[in-house]
Structure formats: structure tokens, C-alpha cells
Amino acid sequence: MKILVMGPPGAGKGSQSAKIVENYKMPSISTGQMFREAFANNDPVGIEAMKYIKQGNLVSDEITNELVKHRLQRTDTENSFILDGYPRTVVQAVALDKTLEEMGTKLDAVINILASNDVLFERMEARRVCRDCGASYHLIFKKPKQEGICDKCGGELYQRIDDTLESVKRRLEIYETMTIPLLDYYNKKGILYNVNGMQNFDKVYNDIDLVLRDL
């Protein structure tokens, strides 16, 4: 099973993807996480990508496509994977289709999580991430047991650069102009499934799980 999780920034793509990975035992391919790890390791790709991210812009197609293509060539993606945060443009989607075709495979489903902008602003401003393991928390909906400390590994929780108010506004503008056309692209392929992201976390996941079980 090879799937893509879509939705605007703050819709819960990362948290839902983590739950899918946990239950279905498939590798997760998160471009955001890969860029942050590359930046932390002083990798040139990560340093270049962070220039875009700090401004709330999408990382260039060339950099992103190459990163994902390299990741998909690992043996653990042969039978299943979940894409989180990629593709974000039609150009990236076409590049992904070409890469998958070369691998003799294709996407089985695109899960699109829907949410209003008001909810997205609230979610993202209160989101915190562990510096060590990358686990996500929310100061309202998913609080850590101890303030500022990760439940899983004890690492420090922080607010990501791209979760500040100005960055969030910019990311939503980019999503509406560049990423939304992807919905039409995948809808025409007959693999797009919309899920109501305004529900609580468990209900959203249950709706996603119903789609995956029918694949």
C-alpha cells in the first residue's frame, strides 16, 4: 500500500501519518523531517532548504524531487510507504509519478484532510515539536505530561520556525495557490479521498482507516 497524505499546514498530516505508520508498519517519507535532519547535520541540502522554510516558502522542486527520489530507492519502500508533505505542486506530482513508474509502481490513494483557516491558525501557533525525536504535541489538544518535555524521550519541546504567525500565513497562501491544484490532479486519477479534519484526532484517523482498509 502506497499512499500520500495531503491537507493545508496544521491539518494534522504529520500526526495522522505517524498513526498510520504505527498501525500499518510502513515507512514514512516526510520531506519536512528530512530537511530538518539535513539542516541539523549541516548538510548542504538542508542548509539550502532552510533558507526557503524560514521565509515560509516551499523548497524548490529540484531539491525536493531529488531528495524524495533518493529516499524511494531504499529497499524498505518496495511494498509500502506513506508520503507526508510531498508532493506540494503539480510539477512535483508529475516528477513523483515518473519516479514511481520507473520503479514499476504507483500511488494507491491520496488522503486529503480538510480544515478551516481559523482552526489551522489555532493549531499551528500552539504546536510544539521534540528537538530529539521529532514527536508532535499541541498546547490545547495534545499536551505533554510535563510542560516543555517530550513524553517519549524527555527531549526539549520547541516551536518550529515555520509555525510562527507570519510564516503560517505565508504557507497558507502558498497552499491555496500552488497545492490545491493537486486535488484536481489526483481526483482525475480517481485516487483522492477527502476526510473531515475538523473532528477530534481519533475520529479523523478512523475515517482514514476506513479508506485504507478498502484499498
N, C-alpha and C. Protein backbone atom coordinates (compact mmCIF):
# COMPACT_ATOMS: atom_id res chain seq x y z
N MET A 1 0.84 -1.19 0.00
CA MET A 1 0.00 0.00 0.00
C MET A 1 0.89 1.25 0.00
N LYS A 2 0.68 2.11 -0.99
CA LYS A 2 1.50 3.31 -1.14
C LYS A 2 0.57 4.52 -1.21
N ILE A 3 0.68 5.38 -0.20
CA ILE A 3 -0.29 6.45 -0.06
C ILE A 3 0.38 7.80 0.18
N LEU A 4 -0.40 8.84 -0.08
CA LEU A 4 0.01 10.22 0.16
C LEU A 4 -1.04 10.85 1.07
N VAL A 5 -0.58 11.58 2.10
CA VAL A 5 -1.48 12.32 2.98
C VAL A 5 -1.33 13.80 2.65
N MET A 6 -2.45 14.44 2.31
CA MET A 6 -2.46 15.87 1.94
C MET A 6 -3.32 16.66 2.92
N GLY A 7 -3.23 18.00 2.77
CA GLY A 7 -4.02 18.89 3.60
C GLY A 7 -3.24 20.16 3.85
N PRO A 8 -3.91 21.24 4.23
CA PRO A 8 -3.22 22.50 4.49
C PRO A 8 -2.31 22.40 5.71
N PRO A 9 -1.38 23.35 5.86
CA PRO A 9 -0.50 23.34 7.04
C PRO A 9 -1.31 23.36 8.33
N GLY A 10 -1.00 22.46 9.24
CA GLY A 10 -1.70 22.40 10.51
C GLY A 10 -2.92 21.51 10.52
N ALA A 11 -3.21 20.85 9.39
CA ALA A 11 -4.40 20.00 9.31
C ALA A 11 -4.23 18.69 10.07
N GLY A 12 -3.00 18.37 10.43
CA GLY A 12 -2.76 17.14 11.17
C GLY A 12 -2.13 16.04 10.35
N LYS A 13 -1.54 16.40 9.22
CA LYS A 13 -0.94 15.40 8.34
C LYS A 13 0.13 14.58 9.06
N GLY A 14 1.01 15.27 9.77
CA GLY A 14 2.11 14.57 10.44
C GLY A 14 1.64 13.62 11.51
N SER A 15 0.69 14.07 12.35
CA SER A 15 0.19 13.22 13.44
C SER A 15 -0.59 12.03 12.90
N GLN A 16 -1.42 12.26 11.89
CA GLN A 16 -2.18 11.15 11.31
C GLN A 16 -1.25 10.17 10.60
N SER A 17 -0.24 10.71 9.91
CA SER A 17 0.72 9.84 9.23
C SER A 17 1.45 8.96 10.23
N ALA A 18 1.81 9.54 11.38
CA ALA A 18 2.51 8.77 12.42
C ALA A 18 1.63 7.62 12.92
N LYS A 19 0.33 7.87 13.04
CA LYS A 19 -0.60 6.84 13.49
C LYS A 19 -0.74 5.73 12.44
N ILE A 20 -0.78 6.13 11.17
CA ILE A 20 -0.85 5.13 10.09
C ILE A 20 0.41 4.27 10.09
N VAL A 21 1.56 4.91 10.24
CA VAL A 21 2.84 4.18 10.28
C VAL A 21 2.86 3.18 11.43
N GLU A 22 2.36 3.63 12.58
CA GLU A 22 2.33 2.76 13.77
C GLU A 22 1.45 1.54 13.56
N ASN A 23 0.28 1.74 12.96
CA ASN A 23 -0.68 0.65 12.81
C ASN A 23 -0.43 -0.24 11.60
N TYR A 24 0.11 0.35 10.53
CA TYR A 24 0.30 -0.42 9.31
C TYR A 24 1.76 -0.82 9.06
N LYS A 25 2.66 -0.37 9.95
CA LYS A 25 4.08 -0.76 9.88
C LYS A 25 4.68 -0.46 8.51
N MET A 26 4.52 0.77 8.06
CA MET A 26 5.09 1.16 6.77
C MET A 26 6.04 2.34 6.98
N PRO A 27 7.06 2.49 6.12
CA PRO A 27 7.99 3.60 6.27
C PRO A 27 7.33 4.93 5.92
N SER A 28 7.68 5.96 6.67
CA SER A 28 7.16 7.30 6.42
C SER A 28 8.21 8.14 5.71
N ILE A 29 7.78 8.86 4.68
CA ILE A 29 8.67 9.74 3.94
C ILE A 29 8.17 11.16 4.12
N SER A 30 8.78 11.88 5.05
CA SER A 30 8.39 13.25 5.36
C SER A 30 9.49 14.19 4.89
N THR A 31 9.19 15.00 3.89
CA THR A 31 10.21 15.92 3.39
C THR A 31 10.60 16.94 4.45
N GLY A 32 9.63 17.41 5.21
CA GLY A 32 9.94 18.38 6.26
C GLY A 32 10.93 17.82 7.26
N GLN A 33 10.68 16.59 7.70
CA GLN A 33 11.57 15.95 8.65
C GLN A 33 12.96 15.72 8.04
N MET A 34 12.99 15.31 6.79
CA MET A 34 14.28 15.07 6.14
C MET A 34 15.08 16.37 5.99
N PHE A 35 14.38 17.47 5.67
CA PHE A 35 15.06 18.75 5.55
C PHE A 35 15.62 19.21 6.90
N ARG A 36 14.81 19.03 7.96
CA ARG A 36 15.26 19.46 9.29
C ARG A 36 16.46 18.63 9.75
N GLU A 37 16.43 17.34 9.47
CA GLU A 37 17.55 16.48 9.85
C GLU A 37 18.82 16.86 9.06
N ALA A 38 18.63 17.15 7.78
CA ALA A 38 19.77 17.53 6.95
C ALA A 38 20.37 18.85 7.44
N PHE A 39 19.50 19.78 7.86
CA PHE A 39 19.96 21.07 8.38
C PHE A 39 20.73 20.87 9.68
N ALA A 40 20.19 20.02 10.58
CA ALA A 40 20.84 19.76 11.86
C ALA A 40 22.21 19.12 11.66
N ASN A 41 22.36 18.37 10.58
CA ASN A 41 23.64 17.70 10.28
C ASN A 41 24.56 18.55 9.40
N ASN A 42 24.16 19.81 9.19
CA ASN A 42 24.94 20.74 8.35
C ASN A 42 25.11 20.25 6.92
N ASP A 43 24.14 19.47 6.46
CA ASP A 43 24.15 19.00 5.07
C ASP A 43 23.81 20.19 4.16
N PRO A 44 24.53 20.37 3.05
CA PRO A 44 24.26 21.49 2.14
C PRO A 44 22.80 21.56 1.68
N VAL A 45 22.18 20.38 1.44
CA VAL A 45 20.77 20.36 1.02
C VAL A 45 19.89 20.93 2.12
N GLY A 46 20.16 20.55 3.37
CA GLY A 46 19.38 21.04 4.49
C GLY A 46 19.55 22.53 4.71
N ILE A 47 20.77 23.02 4.56
CA ILE A 47 21.05 24.45 4.73
C ILE A 47 20.33 25.26 3.66
N GLU A 48 20.37 24.78 2.42
CA GLU A 48 19.70 25.47 1.33
C GLU A 48 18.18 25.44 1.51
N ALA A 49 17.66 24.28 1.93
CA ALA A 49 16.22 24.13 2.13
C ALA A 49 15.72 25.05 3.24
N MET A 50 16.51 25.21 4.31
CA MET A 50 16.07 26.02 5.44
C MET A 50 15.93 27.49 5.06
N LYS A 51 16.65 27.95 4.04
CA LYS A 51 16.50 29.32 3.57
C LYS A 51 15.07 29.55 3.09
N TYR A 52 14.51 28.56 2.41
CA TYR A 52 13.12 28.64 1.94
C TYR A 52 12.15 28.54 3.11
N ILE A 53 12.39 27.56 3.98
CA ILE A 53 11.47 27.26 5.07
C ILE A 53 11.33 28.42 6.04
N LYS A 54 12.44 29.10 6.35
CA LYS A 54 12.41 30.22 7.30
C LYS A 54 11.54 31.36 6.79
N GLN A 55 11.40 31.46 5.48
CA GLN A 55 10.57 32.51 4.89
C GLN A 55 9.14 32.04 4.63
N GLY A 56 8.85 30.80 5.01
CA GLY A 56 7.51 30.26 4.80
C GLY A 56 7.25 29.85 3.38
N ASN A 57 8.32 29.71 2.59
CA ASN A 57 8.18 29.31 1.18
C ASN A 57 8.43 27.82 1.00
N LEU A 58 7.95 27.30 -0.14
CA LEU A 58 8.23 25.91 -0.47
C LEU A 58 9.67 25.77 -0.94
N VAL A 59 10.30 24.68 -0.55
CA VAL A 59 11.64 24.38 -1.04
C VAL A 59 11.53 24.11 -2.55
N SER A 60 12.54 24.48 -3.31
CA SER A 60 12.47 24.34 -4.77
C SER A 60 12.16 22.91 -5.19
N ASP A 61 11.47 22.78 -6.32
CA ASP A 61 11.11 21.46 -6.84
C ASP A 61 12.34 20.60 -7.08
N GLU A 62 13.38 21.20 -7.62
CA GLU A 62 14.59 20.45 -7.94
C GLU A 62 15.19 19.77 -6.72
N ILE A 63 15.33 20.53 -5.63
CA ILE A 63 15.90 19.99 -4.39
C ILE A 63 14.99 18.92 -3.81
N THR A 64 13.69 19.23 -3.74
CA THR A 64 12.74 18.31 -3.12
C THR A 64 12.59 17.01 -3.91
N ASN A 65 12.46 17.12 -5.22
CA ASN A 65 12.31 15.92 -6.05
C ASN A 65 13.50 14.98 -5.91
N GLU A 66 14.68 15.54 -5.90
CA GLU A 66 15.89 14.73 -5.79
C GLU A 66 15.97 14.03 -4.44
N LEU A 67 15.60 14.75 -3.39
CA LEU A 67 15.63 14.17 -2.04
C LEU A 67 14.68 12.99 -1.93
N VAL A 68 13.45 13.16 -2.44
CA VAL A 68 12.44 12.10 -2.36
C VAL A 68 12.83 10.92 -3.25
N LYS A 69 13.30 11.19 -4.45
CA LYS A 69 13.70 10.12 -5.35
C LYS A 69 14.78 9.24 -4.71
N HIS A 70 15.74 9.88 -4.08
CA HIS A 70 16.82 9.14 -3.40
C HIS A 70 16.25 8.28 -2.28
N ARG A 71 15.29 8.85 -1.53
CA ARG A 71 14.69 8.10 -0.41
C ARG A 71 13.87 6.90 -0.91
N LEU A 72 13.14 7.07 -2.01
CA LEU A 72 12.30 6.00 -2.53
C LEU A 72 13.11 4.82 -3.07
N GLN A 73 14.37 5.04 -3.33
CA GLN A 73 15.22 3.98 -3.88
C GLN A 73 15.72 3.02 -2.81
N ARG A 74 15.43 3.30 -1.54
CA ARG A 74 15.81 2.36 -0.48
C ARG A 74 14.90 1.13 -0.53
N THR A 75 15.40 0.01 -0.07
CA THR A 75 14.65 -1.25 -0.18
C THR A 75 13.39 -1.28 0.68
N ASP A 76 13.31 -0.49 1.74
CA ASP A 76 12.16 -0.56 2.63
C ASP A 76 10.88 0.01 2.01
N THR A 77 10.98 0.65 0.83
CA THR A 77 9.80 1.24 0.20
C THR A 77 9.20 0.34 -0.89
N GLU A 78 9.75 -0.86 -1.06
CA GLU A 78 9.30 -1.72 -2.15
C GLU A 78 7.82 -2.10 -2.05
N ASN A 79 7.36 -2.40 -0.84
CA ASN A 79 5.99 -2.88 -0.66
C ASN A 79 5.01 -1.82 -0.17
N SER A 80 5.51 -0.84 0.56
CA SER A 80 4.61 0.18 1.09
C SER A 80 5.38 1.41 1.55
N PHE A 81 4.68 2.54 1.57
CA PHE A 81 5.23 3.76 2.14
C PHE A 81 4.10 4.78 2.25
N ILE A 82 4.33 5.80 3.07
CA ILE A 82 3.40 6.90 3.19
C ILE A 82 4.18 8.20 2.98
N LEU A 83 3.69 9.05 2.10
CA LEU A 83 4.30 10.34 1.82
C LEU A 83 3.61 11.42 2.64
N ASP A 84 4.40 12.22 3.35
CA ASP A 84 3.87 13.29 4.20
C ASP A 84 4.55 14.59 3.79
N GLY A 85 3.78 15.51 3.18
CA GLY A 85 4.34 16.81 2.80
C GLY A 85 4.90 16.88 1.40
N TYR A 86 4.73 15.83 0.63
CA TYR A 86 5.22 15.79 -0.75
C TYR A 86 4.36 14.82 -1.54
N PRO A 87 3.99 15.19 -2.77
CA PRO A 87 4.26 16.44 -3.48
C PRO A 87 3.36 17.58 -3.02
N ARG A 88 3.80 18.82 -3.26
CA ARG A 88 3.01 20.00 -2.91
C ARG A 88 2.66 20.85 -4.13
N THR A 89 3.16 20.46 -5.27
CA THR A 89 2.83 21.15 -6.51
C THR A 89 2.58 20.10 -7.59
N VAL A 90 1.90 20.50 -8.66
CA VAL A 90 1.64 19.58 -9.76
C VAL A 90 2.96 19.15 -10.39
N VAL A 91 3.92 20.06 -10.48
CA VAL A 91 5.23 19.72 -11.04
C VAL A 91 5.88 18.60 -10.23
N GLN A 92 5.80 18.69 -8.91
CA GLN A 92 6.34 17.63 -8.06
C GLN A 92 5.56 16.33 -8.24
N ALA A 93 4.25 16.44 -8.41
CA ALA A 93 3.42 15.24 -8.60
C ALA A 93 3.80 14.50 -9.88
N VAL A 94 4.03 15.25 -10.93
CA VAL A 94 4.43 14.65 -12.21
C VAL A 94 5.79 13.97 -12.05
N ALA A 95 6.71 14.63 -11.33
CA ALA A 95 8.03 14.05 -11.09
C ALA A 95 7.92 12.77 -10.27
N LEU A 96 7.02 12.78 -9.28
CA LEU A 96 6.81 11.60 -8.45
C LEU A 96 6.25 10.46 -9.29
N ASP A 97 5.26 10.75 -10.13
CA ASP A 97 4.69 9.71 -10.99
C ASP A 97 5.77 9.08 -11.87
N LYS A 98 6.66 9.90 -12.37
CA LYS A 98 7.74 9.40 -13.23
C LYS A 98 8.68 8.49 -12.43
N THR A 99 9.02 8.92 -11.21
CA THR A 99 9.90 8.10 -10.36
C THR A 99 9.25 6.77 -10.03
N LEU A 100 7.97 6.80 -9.67
CA LEU A 100 7.26 5.57 -9.31
C LEU A 100 7.11 4.65 -10.52
N GLU A 101 6.87 5.25 -11.69
CA GLU A 101 6.75 4.46 -12.91
C GLU A 101 8.06 3.73 -13.20
N GLU A 102 9.16 4.41 -12.98
CA GLU A 102 10.48 3.79 -13.17
C GLU A 102 10.69 2.65 -12.20
N MET A 103 10.03 2.72 -11.04
CA MET A 103 10.13 1.67 -10.02
C MET A 103 9.11 0.56 -10.26
N GLY A 104 8.23 0.77 -11.26
CA GLY A 104 7.20 -0.22 -11.57
C GLY A 104 6.04 -0.22 -10.60
N THR A 105 5.72 0.96 -10.03
CA THR A 105 4.63 1.04 -9.07
C THR A 105 3.91 2.38 -9.22
N LYS A 106 2.93 2.65 -8.33
CA LYS A 106 2.16 3.90 -8.36
C LYS A 106 1.50 4.11 -7.01
N LEU A 107 0.93 5.31 -6.82
CA LEU A 107 0.20 5.59 -5.59
C LEU A 107 -1.15 4.86 -5.61
N ASP A 108 -1.54 4.34 -4.44
CA ASP A 108 -2.84 3.67 -4.32
C ASP A 108 -3.94 4.62 -3.88
N ALA A 109 -3.58 5.63 -3.06
CA ALA A 109 -4.59 6.56 -2.55
C ALA A 109 -3.95 7.86 -2.10
N VAL A 110 -4.73 8.94 -2.21
CA VAL A 110 -4.34 10.25 -1.69
C VAL A 110 -5.39 10.66 -0.67
N ILE A 111 -4.99 10.75 0.60
CA ILE A 111 -5.90 11.15 1.67
C ILE A 111 -5.77 12.66 1.87
N ASN A 112 -6.87 13.39 1.69
CA ASN A 112 -6.86 14.84 1.84
C ASN A 112 -7.63 15.24 3.09
N ILE A 113 -6.91 15.82 4.07
CA ILE A 113 -7.53 16.23 5.34
C ILE A 113 -7.98 17.68 5.24
N LEU A 114 -9.28 17.91 5.43
CA LEU A 114 -9.87 19.24 5.28
C LEU A 114 -9.98 19.95 6.63
N ALA A 115 -9.69 21.27 6.64
CA ALA A 115 -9.84 22.07 7.87
C ALA A 115 -9.91 23.54 7.50
N SER A 116 -10.61 24.35 8.31
CA SER A 116 -10.74 25.78 8.04
C SER A 116 -9.50 26.53 8.48
N ASN A 117 -9.27 27.71 7.91
CA ASN A 117 -8.09 28.51 8.25
C ASN A 117 -8.06 28.91 9.72
N ASP A 118 -9.22 29.25 10.30
CA ASP A 118 -9.26 29.65 11.72
C ASP A 118 -8.72 28.54 12.61
N VAL A 119 -9.15 27.33 12.34
CA VAL A 119 -8.69 26.18 13.12
C VAL A 119 -7.20 25.94 12.89
N LEU A 120 -6.76 26.12 11.66
CA LEU A 120 -5.35 25.89 11.33
C LEU A 120 -4.43 26.86 12.06
N PHE A 121 -4.82 28.14 12.13
CA PHE A 121 -4.02 29.13 12.86
C PHE A 121 -3.89 28.73 14.32
N GLU A 122 -5.02 28.33 14.92
CA GLU A 122 -5.01 27.94 16.34
C GLU A 122 -4.12 26.73 16.57
N ARG A 123 -4.22 25.76 15.70
CA ARG A 123 -3.44 24.54 15.86
C ARG A 123 -1.94 24.80 15.74
N MET A 124 -1.57 25.57 14.74
CA MET A 124 -0.14 25.72 14.45
C MET A 124 0.58 26.62 15.44
N GLU A 125 -0.08 27.67 15.91
CA GLU A 125 0.56 28.54 16.89
C GLU A 125 0.82 27.82 18.20
N ALA A 126 0.01 26.81 18.49
CA ALA A 126 0.16 26.09 19.75
C ALA A 126 0.89 24.75 19.58
N ARG A 127 1.41 24.50 18.39
CA ARG A 127 2.10 23.23 18.15
C ARG A 127 3.54 23.29 18.68
N ARG A 128 3.99 22.20 19.26
CA ARG A 128 5.35 22.08 19.74
C ARG A 128 5.92 20.74 19.27
N VAL A 129 7.23 20.72 19.02
CA VAL A 129 7.89 19.52 18.49
C VAL A 129 9.12 19.21 19.31
N CYS A 130 9.39 17.92 19.50
CA CYS A 130 10.57 17.50 20.27
C CYS A 130 11.84 17.68 19.43
N ARG A 131 12.85 18.31 20.02
CA ARG A 131 14.11 18.52 19.30
C ARG A 131 14.84 17.21 19.03
N ASP A 132 14.61 16.21 19.88
CA ASP A 132 15.38 14.97 19.76
C ASP A 132 14.72 13.92 18.88
N CYS A 133 13.43 13.63 19.11
CA CYS A 133 12.79 12.53 18.37
C CYS A 133 11.76 13.01 17.34
N GLY A 134 11.42 14.32 17.36
CA GLY A 134 10.51 14.85 16.36
C GLY A 134 9.03 14.65 16.67
N ALA A 135 8.69 14.11 17.85
CA ALA A 135 7.29 13.90 18.22
C ALA A 135 6.56 15.24 18.31
N SER A 136 5.29 15.25 17.88
CA SER A 136 4.50 16.49 17.86
C SER A 136 3.52 16.54 19.04
N TYR A 137 3.34 17.75 19.57
CA TYR A 137 2.39 17.98 20.66
C TYR A 137 1.60 19.25 20.35
N HIS A 138 0.53 19.47 21.13
CA HIS A 138 -0.27 20.68 20.98
C HIS A 138 -0.65 21.16 22.38
N LEU A 139 -0.49 22.46 22.62
CA LEU A 139 -0.72 23.00 23.96
C LEU A 139 -2.18 22.96 24.39
N ILE A 140 -3.07 22.70 23.43
CA ILE A 140 -4.50 22.59 23.76
C ILE A 140 -5.01 21.16 23.59
N PHE A 141 -4.71 20.55 22.45
CA PHE A 141 -5.30 19.27 22.10
C PHE A 141 -4.46 18.05 22.48
N LYS A 142 -3.15 18.23 22.57
CA LYS A 142 -2.27 17.09 22.84
C LYS A 142 -1.10 17.54 23.71
N LYS A 143 -1.41 17.88 24.96
CA LYS A 143 -0.41 18.41 25.87
C LYS A 143 0.57 17.33 26.31
N PRO A 144 1.85 17.69 26.49
CA PRO A 144 2.80 16.73 27.08
C PRO A 144 2.48 16.59 28.57
N LYS A 145 2.86 15.47 29.14
CA LYS A 145 2.61 15.26 30.57
C LYS A 145 3.32 16.29 31.42
N GLN A 146 4.53 16.66 30.98
CA GLN A 146 5.30 17.69 31.67
C GLN A 146 5.58 18.83 30.70
N GLU A 147 5.26 20.05 31.09
CA GLU A 147 5.40 21.19 30.20
C GLU A 147 6.81 21.32 29.63
N GLY A 148 6.88 21.40 28.30
CA GLY A 148 8.16 21.61 27.64
C GLY A 148 9.02 20.37 27.49
N ILE A 149 8.50 19.21 27.93
CA ILE A 149 9.28 17.97 27.90
C ILE A 149 8.54 16.89 27.09
N CYS A 150 9.24 16.20 26.21
CA CYS A 150 8.65 15.15 25.40
C CYS A 150 8.32 13.92 26.24
N ASP A 151 7.11 13.39 26.09
CA ASP A 151 6.70 12.18 26.82
C ASP A 151 7.52 10.97 26.41
N LYS A 152 7.92 10.91 25.14
CA LYS A 152 8.57 9.72 24.61
C LYS A 152 10.04 9.60 24.98
N CYS A 153 10.78 10.73 24.86
CA CYS A 153 12.23 10.63 25.06
C CYS A 153 12.80 11.63 26.06
N GLY A 154 11.96 12.53 26.57
CA GLY A 154 12.45 13.50 27.53
C GLY A 154 13.13 14.70 26.90
N GLY A 155 13.06 14.81 25.56
CA GLY A 155 13.69 15.92 24.86
C GLY A 155 12.95 17.22 25.06
N GLU A 156 13.61 18.32 24.68
CA GLU A 156 13.01 19.65 24.80
C GLU A 156 12.01 19.89 23.68
N LEU A 157 10.85 20.47 24.05
CA LEU A 157 9.85 20.83 23.06
C LEU A 157 10.05 22.28 22.63
N TYR A 158 9.88 22.55 21.34
CA TYR A 158 10.07 23.91 20.83
C TYR A 158 9.07 24.21 19.73
N GLN A 159 8.92 25.50 19.40
CA GLN A 159 8.06 25.91 18.29
C GLN A 159 8.89 26.02 17.02
N ARG A 160 8.48 25.31 16.00
CA ARG A 160 9.22 25.33 14.74
C ARG A 160 9.18 26.71 14.11
N ILE A 161 10.23 27.02 13.36
CA ILE A 161 10.32 28.31 12.67
C ILE A 161 9.11 28.53 11.76
N ASP A 162 8.67 27.48 11.10
CA ASP A 162 7.56 27.61 10.15
C ASP A 162 6.19 27.55 10.81
N ASP A 163 6.13 27.59 12.16
CA ASP A 163 4.85 27.63 12.87
C ASP A 163 4.56 29.02 13.45
N THR A 164 5.43 30.00 13.21
CA THR A 164 5.16 31.36 13.68
C THR A 164 4.04 31.95 12.83
N LEU A 165 3.34 32.97 13.36
CA LEU A 165 2.14 33.51 12.72
C LEU A 165 2.39 33.95 11.28
N GLU A 166 3.44 34.74 11.05
CA GLU A 166 3.71 35.24 9.70
C GLU A 166 4.03 34.11 8.73
N SER A 167 4.79 33.14 9.22
CA SER A 167 5.14 32.00 8.37
C SER A 167 3.90 31.17 8.04
N VAL A 168 3.02 31.01 9.02
CA VAL A 168 1.79 30.25 8.80
C VAL A 168 0.93 30.92 7.73
N LYS A 169 0.79 32.25 7.83
CA LYS A 169 0.00 32.98 6.83
C LYS A 169 0.57 32.77 5.44
N ARG A 170 1.89 32.86 5.33
CA ARG A 170 2.54 32.69 4.04
C ARG A 170 2.34 31.27 3.52
N ARG A 171 2.46 30.27 4.40
CA ARG A 171 2.32 28.88 3.99
C ARG A 171 0.89 28.60 3.49
N LEU A 172 -0.10 29.20 4.13
CA LEU A 172 -1.48 29.00 3.70
C LEU A 172 -1.73 29.66 2.34
N GLU A 173 -1.11 30.81 2.11
CA GLU A 173 -1.24 31.47 0.81
C GLU A 173 -0.65 30.59 -0.29
N ILE A 174 0.52 30.02 -0.01
CA ILE A 174 1.17 29.14 -0.98
C ILE A 174 0.33 27.90 -1.22
N TYR A 175 -0.23 27.35 -0.14
CA TYR A 175 -1.05 26.14 -0.28
C TYR A 175 -2.23 26.40 -1.20
N GLU A 176 -2.90 27.55 -1.00
CA GLU A 176 -4.10 27.84 -1.77
C GLU A 176 -3.81 28.08 -3.25
N THR A 177 -2.63 28.61 -3.55
CA THR A 177 -2.31 28.92 -4.95
C THR A 177 -1.58 27.80 -5.68
N MET A 178 -0.76 27.04 -4.93
CA MET A 178 0.09 26.04 -5.59
C MET A 178 -0.30 24.60 -5.31
N THR A 179 -0.77 24.32 -4.10
CA THR A 179 -1.02 22.93 -3.72
C THR A 179 -2.44 22.47 -4.04
N ILE A 180 -3.42 23.35 -3.90
CA ILE A 180 -4.80 22.97 -4.17
C ILE A 180 -4.99 22.37 -5.56
N PRO A 181 -4.30 22.86 -6.62
CA PRO A 181 -4.44 22.22 -7.93
C PRO A 181 -4.11 20.73 -7.92
N LEU A 182 -3.36 20.29 -6.94
CA LEU A 182 -3.05 18.86 -6.81
C LEU A 182 -4.31 18.03 -6.58
N LEU A 183 -5.27 18.63 -5.88
CA LEU A 183 -6.51 17.90 -5.59
C LEU A 183 -7.21 17.52 -6.89
N ASP A 184 -7.25 18.45 -7.82
CA ASP A 184 -7.86 18.17 -9.12
C ASP A 184 -7.04 17.13 -9.88
N TYR A 185 -5.72 17.22 -9.78
CA TYR A 185 -4.81 16.29 -10.45
C TYR A 185 -5.08 14.86 -9.99
N TYR A 186 -5.18 14.66 -8.66
CA TYR A 186 -5.39 13.31 -8.14
C TYR A 186 -6.85 12.87 -8.22
N ASN A 187 -7.77 13.84 -8.19
CA ASN A 187 -9.18 13.49 -8.34
C ASN A 187 -9.43 12.90 -9.73
N LYS A 188 -8.78 13.46 -10.75
CA LYS A 188 -8.93 12.95 -12.11
C LYS A 188 -8.35 11.54 -12.24
N LYS A 189 -7.40 11.21 -11.38
CA LYS A 189 -6.83 9.87 -11.39
C LYS A 189 -7.72 8.88 -10.63
N GLY A 190 -8.71 9.41 -9.91
CA GLY A 190 -9.64 8.56 -9.17
C GLY A 190 -9.09 7.99 -7.88
N ILE A 191 -8.08 8.65 -7.31
CA ILE A 191 -7.47 8.11 -6.07
C ILE A 191 -7.55 9.10 -4.91
N LEU A 192 -8.36 10.18 -5.04
CA LEU A 192 -8.46 11.19 -4.00
C LEU A 192 -9.60 10.88 -3.04
N TYR A 193 -9.31 10.91 -1.73
CA TYR A 193 -10.30 10.66 -0.68
C TYR A 193 -10.25 11.81 0.32
N ASN A 194 -11.37 12.55 0.47
CA ASN A 194 -11.42 13.67 1.40
C ASN A 194 -11.88 13.20 2.78
N VAL A 195 -11.22 13.73 3.82
CA VAL A 195 -11.55 13.39 5.20
C VAL A 195 -11.74 14.69 5.99
N ASN A 196 -12.77 14.74 6.82
CA ASN A 196 -13.06 15.92 7.64
C ASN A 196 -12.05 16.04 8.78
N GLY A 197 -11.14 17.02 8.68
CA GLY A 197 -10.11 17.21 9.69
C GLY A 197 -10.55 18.07 10.86
N MET A 198 -11.81 18.50 10.89
CA MET A 198 -12.32 19.34 11.98
C MET A 198 -12.77 18.49 13.17
N GLN A 199 -12.74 17.18 13.01
CA GLN A 199 -13.13 16.28 14.09
C GLN A 199 -11.95 16.06 15.04
N ASN A 200 -12.20 15.33 16.13
CA ASN A 200 -11.09 15.03 17.02
C ASN A 200 -10.14 14.04 16.34
N PHE A 201 -8.95 13.94 16.90
CA PHE A 201 -7.89 13.16 16.28
C PHE A 201 -8.32 11.73 15.97
N ASP A 202 -8.93 11.06 16.94
CA ASP A 202 -9.30 9.65 16.77
C ASP A 202 -10.35 9.47 15.68
N LYS A 203 -11.30 10.39 15.60
CA LYS A 203 -12.35 10.28 14.58
C LYS A 203 -11.75 10.49 13.19
N VAL A 204 -10.83 11.44 13.08
CA VAL A 204 -10.16 11.66 11.79
C VAL A 204 -9.42 10.40 11.37
N TYR A 205 -8.70 9.81 12.33
CA TYR A 205 -7.94 8.60 11.99
C TYR A 205 -8.88 7.45 11.60
N ASN A 206 -9.99 7.31 12.30
CA ASN A 206 -10.93 6.23 11.98
C ASN A 206 -11.45 6.38 10.55
N ASP A 207 -11.73 7.61 10.14
CA ASP A 207 -12.20 7.85 8.77
C ASP A 207 -11.11 7.50 7.75
N ILE A 208 -9.86 7.83 8.08
CA ILE A 208 -8.75 7.47 7.19
C ILE A 208 -8.60 5.96 7.13
N ASP A 209 -8.71 5.31 8.27
CA ASP A 209 -8.54 3.87 8.34
C ASP A 209 -9.60 3.14 7.50
N LEU A 210 -10.81 3.68 7.45
CA LEU A 210 -11.86 3.07 6.63
C LEU A 210 -11.47 3.08 5.16
N VAL A 211 -10.83 4.18 4.73
CA VAL A 211 -10.37 4.27 3.34
C VAL A 211 -9.28 3.24 3.09
N LEU A 212 -8.30 3.18 3.99
CA LEU A 212 -7.16 2.29 3.78
C LEU A 212 -7.58 0.83 3.78
N ARG A 213 -8.54 0.47 4.58
CA ARG A 213 -8.98 -0.92 4.65
C ARG A 213 -9.66 -1.39 3.37
N ASP A 214 -10.16 -0.43 2.59
CA ASP A 214 -10.85 -0.78 1.34
C ASP A 214 -9.92 -0.83 0.13
N LEU A 215 -8.65 -0.46 0.33
CA LEU A 215 -7.72 -0.44 -0.80
C LEU A 215 -7.35 -1.84 -1.24
